[in-house]
Amino acid sequence: MASSSPPAALSSRLVRQALDIAAEHKVPIEALCREVGLRLEDLDDPELRIPYTVLDTLLERAVEVTGDDNLGLHMARMSEVDPDDAAGLVILTSATLKESMVRGCRYQRVWGDGDRFGVEDTERGVRMRFTPVGPWRPAHRQMAEVALVQVALGMRYFTGVDVRPLQVRFVHAAPADIREHEALFACPLVFGAPQSDIEYSRADAELPFVHADALLNTMFEKQAQRQLSRLPVTASLTERVREQVRRTLSGGDFTFEAVARTLHLPPRTLQRKLAEEGQSYAGILEAVRRELSENYLRRRMSIAEVSFLLGYGEPATFHRAFKRWWGMSPEAFRRAHTPQTPSPPGRGPG
């Protein structure tokens, strides 16, 4: 009999931070923790992971107890930089607003299981999507508002500029009063949208970060990678599909049907379960190719080799996809992101 997978969970550190902020807004967090079988002192353990369903219940009870319909907005703020949070330091030392989004998504599992965040290019710039884990429930409104307010505040803090999103969208219906939302985001808002996301212009996406540091960023990335490697395997179907795509891109069968067979799921069932996680196979394939393309080009691989490793039949198809992802050709990207080798001393012109 196959053993059941552990439920999707997130870092106790994040839960503790959220509850500390909630306590400042008169939420009786100790009593609520007891209701769901948690002890507040246990949340100081950085290795502990809390099931999302437990946090969902905590948030829903907190809204009931306080009567604060905008609790998510009130819990969103910039926390102090945690020196033990390598993934957070990767974001802090990123070069630009867009780069921080991409890296944040890459290491998001350090904070919590599942592909909750995703980055995609748009006609106007770049968009970060937030998808709560599991079937929709009332707590997901609060989680979406916390997440997107923190992105908006973070981008202003990290760039040192009052950068405003082009638009913010939410899946949930508009609250009766959205004045607080309008003040925090300072941009057009859409409710009842297909997904929850925040979009920035192409120019703002290239805004430099105040604390950008390529050397430190590389060091923190290595630490974040080590943290990822220590995490247990999760129940996220999206991550299992991503891993199978990664394994088969360069020469294997990475078709949707082949992946479904490997996971022992009928194609329709796989499609439905991915949709429940807010994902699609095409979107996962695109995201994996986009992420790997950056890694390969930074390693100075030839364009033909990168094209093959990403499973494209010909380099021209890869060129078109890459330009859609990054707004430039693979060659231009490599020139822009490859350090130049200095000339040997004493070998000047002449």
Foldseek 3Di string as FASTA:
>chain_A
DDDDFDAWWFWLQVVLLLVVLLVVVVQPQQVLCVVLPHHSVVSVPRPDTGHPVSVLSSQVVSCVVNVDLQSLLSSADDDPDDPLQLLVVLLLQAFFLQRSLLSCQVLVVLGTDDSQWDKFADPFAIKIFGFDAFADDPSVVSVLNNVVLNSQNVLCQFLVHNFAFQEWEALAADDPDCPSVCVSRVYHYYYNDPTTMTHHGNVRRNRTTPNHDVVSSVVSVVVSVVSVVPDDDGPDPLVLLLVVLLVAQQPHDNDLCVSCVVVVHHSVVSQVSQVRRVHGSVRSLLSSLQVVLLVVLQVVDDLQVSCNSSNHPGSVVVQVSNCNGPVDGSVVSSVVNHDDDDDDPPPDDD
